[in-house]
Protein backbone atom coordinates (compact mmCIF):
# COMPACT_ATOMS: atom_id res chain seq x y z
CA MET A 1 -5.52 -12.13 -13.31
CA THR A 2 -2.31 -10.90 -14.95
CA ALA A 3 0.72 -11.05 -12.66
CA ILE A 4 4.46 -10.48 -13.04
CA PHE A 5 5.32 -13.32 -10.61
CA LYS A 6 3.40 -16.33 -9.36
CA PRO A 7 4.22 -17.75 -5.92
CA GLU A 8 5.44 -21.35 -5.77
CA GLY A 9 6.02 -22.18 -2.12
CA ASP A 10 8.86 -19.90 -1.04
CA LEU A 11 9.71 -19.13 -4.68
CA PHE A 12 8.36 -16.56 -7.14
CA ARG A 13 8.17 -17.69 -10.75
CA ALA A 14 8.44 -14.98 -13.38
CA THR A 15 5.65 -15.02 -15.98
CA GLU A 16 5.91 -13.92 -19.59
CA HIS A 17 4.71 -10.48 -18.43
CA ALA A 18 8.07 -9.92 -16.70
CA GLY A 19 10.02 -9.72 -19.98
CA GLY A 20 12.25 -6.69 -20.51
CA PRO A 21 13.22 -4.48 -23.47
CA TRP A 22 16.43 -6.19 -24.59
CA SER A 23 15.03 -9.74 -24.66
CA PRO A 24 11.54 -11.12 -23.89
CA ASP A 25 13.26 -13.96 -22.00
CA MET A 26 15.08 -11.61 -19.61
CA LEU A 27 13.37 -9.78 -16.76
CA GLN A 28 12.61 -6.08 -16.79
CA GLY A 29 14.68 -4.34 -14.12
CA SER A 30 11.44 -3.07 -12.56
CA ALA A 31 10.40 -6.64 -11.85
CA THR A 32 13.59 -7.56 -9.97
CA THR A 33 13.81 -4.36 -7.91
CA ALA A 34 10.13 -4.43 -6.98
CA LEU A 35 10.33 -8.07 -5.89
CA MET A 36 13.21 -7.30 -3.52
CA THR A 37 11.29 -4.29 -2.18
CA ARG A 38 8.54 -6.55 -0.81
CA ASP A 39 10.91 -7.73 1.93
CA VAL A 40 11.95 -4.17 2.79
CA ALA A 41 8.29 -3.21 3.19
CA ARG A 42 7.86 -5.79 5.94
CA LEU A 43 10.46 -4.04 8.08
CA ALA A 44 8.99 -0.65 7.25
CA ALA A 45 5.65 -1.89 8.59
CA SER A 46 7.23 -1.93 12.07
CA GLY A 47 7.15 1.88 12.12
CA PHE A 48 10.45 2.69 10.42
CA ALA A 49 10.45 4.76 7.23
CA VAL A 50 12.27 3.75 4.05
CA ARG A 51 14.88 6.42 3.37
CA ARG A 52 17.21 4.84 0.82
CA LEU A 53 17.05 1.83 -1.48
CA THR A 54 20.15 0.89 -3.46
CA PHE A 55 19.88 -1.95 -5.95
CA ASP A 56 22.91 -3.64 -7.51
CA LEU A 57 21.82 -5.65 -10.55
CA TRP A 58 24.67 -8.08 -11.05
CA ARG A 59 23.40 -10.59 -13.60
CA PRO A 60 20.66 -10.79 -16.23
CA ALA A 61 17.63 -12.57 -14.82
CA GLY A 62 15.77 -15.07 -16.99
CA LEU A 63 12.14 -16.14 -16.70
CA HIS A 64 12.93 -18.44 -13.79
CA ALA A 65 11.75 -19.05 -10.22
CA PHE A 66 13.45 -16.83 -7.65
CA ARG A 67 13.72 -16.62 -3.90
CA THR A 68 14.74 -13.74 -1.69
CA THR A 69 16.84 -13.83 1.47
CA THR A 70 17.06 -11.03 4.02
CA GLU A 71 19.62 -10.02 6.62
CA LEU A 72 19.48 -7.19 9.13
CA LEU A 73 22.93 -5.59 8.93
CA ARG A 74 22.32 -2.91 11.55
CA ASP A 75 19.53 -2.94 14.12
CA GLY A 76 19.75 0.52 15.62
CA ARG A 77 17.24 2.45 17.67
CA LYS A 78 17.08 5.31 15.16
CA ALA A 79 18.33 3.63 11.98
CA LYS A 80 18.27 0.12 10.56
CA THR A 81 20.08 -1.27 7.53
CA MET A 82 18.92 -4.43 5.84
CA GLN A 83 20.01 -6.45 2.84
CA VAL A 84 17.83 -8.40 0.44
CA ARG A 85 19.39 -10.87 -1.98
CA LEU A 86 17.60 -12.12 -5.12
CA MET A 87 18.58 -15.73 -5.82
CA ASP A 88 18.17 -17.91 -8.92
CA GLY A 89 19.02 -21.26 -7.37
CA GLU A 90 22.48 -20.70 -5.87
CA THR A 91 23.24 -17.75 -8.16
CA GLU A 92 22.80 -14.25 -6.77
CA ILE A 93 21.13 -12.07 -9.39
CA GLY A 94 21.04 -8.82 -7.48
CA ARG A 95 21.01 -7.21 -4.07
CA CYS A 96 19.13 -4.41 -2.33
CA THR A 97 20.58 -2.47 0.60
CA ALA A 98 17.92 -0.51 2.45
CA LEU A 99 18.25 2.24 5.04
CA LEU A 100 15.26 2.86 7.30
CA THR A 101 14.97 5.49 10.02
CA ALA A 102 12.67 6.03 12.97
CA PRO A 103 10.31 9.01 12.60
CA SER A 104 10.86 12.09 14.76
CA GLY A 105 8.23 14.45 16.10
CA GLU A 106 8.34 17.16 13.45
CA SER A 107 10.31 18.61 10.54
CA PRO A 108 11.82 22.09 10.42
CA ALA A 109 10.50 24.69 8.03
CA ASP A 110 12.72 25.43 5.04
CA PRO A 111 12.89 29.22 4.64
CA PHE A 112 14.67 28.88 1.28
CA ALA A 113 12.19 26.55 -0.40
CA ARG A 114 10.40 27.95 -3.41
CA PRO A 115 6.83 26.80 -4.00
CA ALA A 116 6.70 24.66 -7.11
CA ALA A 117 3.92 24.83 -9.65
CA PRO A 118 1.65 21.79 -9.32
CA ASP A 119 2.13 19.10 -11.94
CA LYS A 120 -0.63 18.11 -14.31
CA ALA A 121 -2.62 15.14 -13.07
CA PRO A 122 -2.31 11.81 -14.92
CA GLU A 123 -5.82 12.33 -16.28
CA ALA A 124 -4.51 15.41 -18.12
CA GLY A 125 -1.62 13.50 -19.72
CA ALA A 126 -1.45 11.71 -23.05
CA PRO A 127 -0.61 8.03 -23.61
CA PRO A 128 2.50 7.26 -25.65
CA PRO A 129 2.21 5.92 -29.22
CA ALA A 130 1.20 2.27 -29.38
CA PHE A 131 4.61 1.20 -30.71
CA ALA A 132 6.37 2.83 -27.75
CA GLN A 133 4.16 0.95 -25.32
CA LYS A 134 5.50 -2.28 -26.85
CA TRP A 135 8.98 -1.50 -25.51
CA SER A 136 8.73 -4.66 -23.41
CA ARG A 137 6.18 -7.24 -22.26
CA TYR A 138 6.39 -5.76 -18.79
CA PHE A 139 5.82 -2.23 -20.08
CA GLN A 140 2.61 -3.35 -21.79
CA ASN A 141 1.15 -3.77 -18.31
CA VAL A 142 2.08 -0.22 -17.25
CA SER A 143 -0.30 2.68 -17.80
CA VAL A 144 1.60 5.77 -18.98
CA ARG A 145 0.45 9.40 -19.23
CA LEU A 146 2.97 11.93 -20.56
CA ILE A 147 2.79 15.53 -19.42
CA GLU A 148 6.12 16.70 -20.89
CA GLY A 149 8.32 15.40 -23.71
CA ALA A 150 7.83 12.09 -25.49
CA LEU A 151 8.99 8.52 -24.98
CA GLU A 152 9.67 7.97 -28.67
CA LYS A 153 11.91 11.04 -28.98
CA PRO A 154 15.25 11.68 -27.22
CA GLY A 155 15.31 14.22 -24.43
CA PRO A 156 14.06 14.95 -20.91
CA ALA A 157 10.45 14.03 -20.21
CA ALA A 158 7.87 13.70 -17.45
CA ALA A 159 5.46 10.78 -17.34
CA TRP A 160 2.98 9.34 -14.90
CA MET A 161 3.17 5.54 -14.56
CA ARG A 162 1.14 2.85 -12.84
CA LEU A 163 1.72 -0.90 -12.87
CA ASP A 164 -1.70 -2.39 -13.59
CA ALA A 165 -0.74 -6.06 -13.21
CA SER A 166 -0.14 -7.51 -9.75
CA LEU A 167 3.57 -7.77 -9.02
CA VAL A 168 2.85 -11.04 -7.19
CA GLU A 169 -0.33 -12.92 -7.99
CA GLY A 170 -2.97 -12.37 -5.31
CA GLU A 171 -1.31 -9.25 -3.87
CA THR A 172 -2.16 -5.57 -4.24
CA ASN A 173 0.66 -3.31 -5.41
CA THR A 174 1.57 -0.88 -2.62
CA PRO A 175 2.62 2.73 -3.24
CA LEU A 176 6.22 1.74 -2.42
CA ILE A 177 6.09 -1.04 -5.03
CA GLN A 178 4.64 1.41 -7.57
CA ALA A 179 7.42 3.90 -6.82
CA VAL A 180 10.26 1.39 -7.13
CA GLN A 181 8.97 -0.23 -10.31
CA ALA A 182 8.46 3.20 -11.88
CA ALA A 183 11.95 4.39 -10.92
CA ASP A 184 13.61 1.83 -13.21
CA PHE A 185 11.97 3.57 -16.18
CA SER A 186 13.76 6.84 -15.44
CA SER A 187 16.47 6.19 -18.02
CA GLY A 188 13.84 5.20 -20.58
CA VAL A 189 11.78 8.33 -19.94
CA ALA A 190 14.94 10.43 -20.35
CA GLN A 191 16.56 8.38 -23.13
CA ILE A 192 18.83 10.44 -25.37
CA VAL A 193 19.82 7.90 -28.04
CA ASP A 194 18.23 5.94 -30.85
CA MET A 195 17.50 2.52 -29.34
CA ARG A 196 18.01 0.97 -32.78
CA SER A 197 21.65 2.06 -32.65
CA TRP A 198 22.47 1.97 -28.93
CA THR A 199 21.80 -0.09 -25.85
CA PHE A 200 21.78 1.55 -22.44
CA ILE A 201 21.65 -0.29 -19.15
CA ASN A 202 21.76 0.70 -15.51
CA PRO A 203 23.67 -1.90 -13.44
CA GLU A 204 22.42 -0.14 -10.31
CA ILE A 205 19.75 2.28 -9.14
CA SER A 206 19.33 4.26 -5.91
CA LEU A 207 16.23 5.94 -4.52
CA TYR A 208 16.29 8.51 -1.71
CA PHE A 209 12.94 9.13 0.00
CA PHE A 210 12.03 12.20 2.02
CA ARG A 211 8.45 11.01 2.61
CA PRO A 212 6.45 7.86 1.85
CA PRO A 213 4.74 7.70 -1.56
CA GLU A 214 0.97 7.68 -1.75
CA GLY A 215 -1.47 6.26 -4.27
CA GLU A 216 -1.05 4.26 -7.47
CA TRP A 217 0.21 6.87 -9.95
CA ILE A 218 3.89 7.86 -9.85
CA LEU A 219 5.29 10.80 -11.83
CA ILE A 220 8.83 10.49 -13.20
CA ARG A 221 10.59 13.69 -14.20
CA ALA A 222 13.96 12.58 -15.58
CA ALA A 223 17.05 13.72 -17.47
CA THR A 224 20.22 11.93 -18.63
CA ARG A 225 23.80 13.17 -18.93
CA VAL A 226 26.56 11.45 -20.92
CA GLY A 227 30.20 11.31 -19.87
CA ALA A 228 33.27 9.56 -21.26
CA HIS A 229 33.77 5.96 -22.41
CA GLY A 230 30.08 5.03 -22.51
CA ALA A 231 29.31 6.29 -19.01
CA GLY A 232 26.23 8.32 -18.17
CA LEU A 233 23.99 9.37 -15.31
CA THR A 234 20.21 9.57 -15.14
CA THR A 235 18.60 11.60 -12.38
CA ALA A 236 14.90 11.79 -11.68
CA THR A 237 12.38 13.19 -9.24
CA LEU A 238 9.47 10.96 -8.25
CA SER A 239 6.16 12.56 -7.32
CA ASP A 240 2.66 11.45 -6.45
CA ARG A 241 -0.51 13.56 -6.57
CA ASN A 242 0.70 15.44 -3.47
CA GLY A 243 4.07 16.41 -4.95
CA PRO A 244 7.67 15.14 -4.88
CA PHE A 245 8.68 12.39 -2.45
CA ALA A 246 11.96 10.89 -3.74
CA GLU A 247 15.04 11.41 -5.89
CA VAL A 248 16.51 8.72 -8.16
CA MET A 249 20.03 8.20 -9.50
CA GLN A 250 21.04 5.61 -12.10
CA ALA A 251 24.60 4.96 -13.28
CA MET A 252 24.27 4.34 -17.03
CA SER A 253 26.39 2.34 -19.47
CA PHE A 254 25.97 2.98 -23.21
CA GLU A 255 27.09 0.56 -25.91
CA ARG A 256 26.68 0.92 -29.66
CA ARG A 257 24.84 -1.95 -31.33
CA ASP A 258 26.61 -3.70 -34.16
CA ALA A 259 25.13 -3.44 -37.67
CA GLU A 260 23.39 -6.81 -37.46
CA GLN A 261 21.71 -5.96 -34.16
CA ALA A 262 20.62 -2.56 -35.46
CA GLN A 263 19.01 -4.07 -38.57
CA ALA A 264 17.18 -6.67 -36.45
CA SER A 265 15.65 -3.86 -34.38
């Protein structure tokens, strides 16, 4: 069975299927964020709901064996804050800070909400061109169905995604795992530059949930804005078959490739 990570005692070894878009020897961001999310899910299983996940991706991660460490920063009756650290030996690769809240009895009605038109189902979408699916080794294990825009052309787009490989060998991908791994693709879905001429990375990503995700398929509806000095911002709405459930924000950094890099691409 294809897997992104294989357990080795208390470690998780990245397989070749974890490779990202900028180098096959460096992990896709989806792999690192989803691995840290596993530990958050354990706390959520106690009855608290995941409300915010903020990932700081500090260093490139190679195809190595990783461990995670957790710390409960705030253990409140109505809200808990936890921290998950992703470690490569003694080097911290990234960190997740998670906010979870206790459920209340009911939610108020929103008199100003406008009913949104239902999105097309993934079965009604179209797969991207074969060359676009080869964006990374990791991405080759993700089913994609576009309902708006195109991955190979700059501009806003909407795409259903589902990780078909197990994140960790022997485990079933939960809806929360599917949501987090899909969220990292927001900037790719809404890319606005020629990848042969530019690189764009997100050193962080935050997800804000207003209900738990359901099912395997996650819809990303994303757009990117560019500011000054290589800065940008990608925002996205995540939906499942029942509608929206989370908002995503990614701080973007753009850098022009040099001529040699561009020709190699």
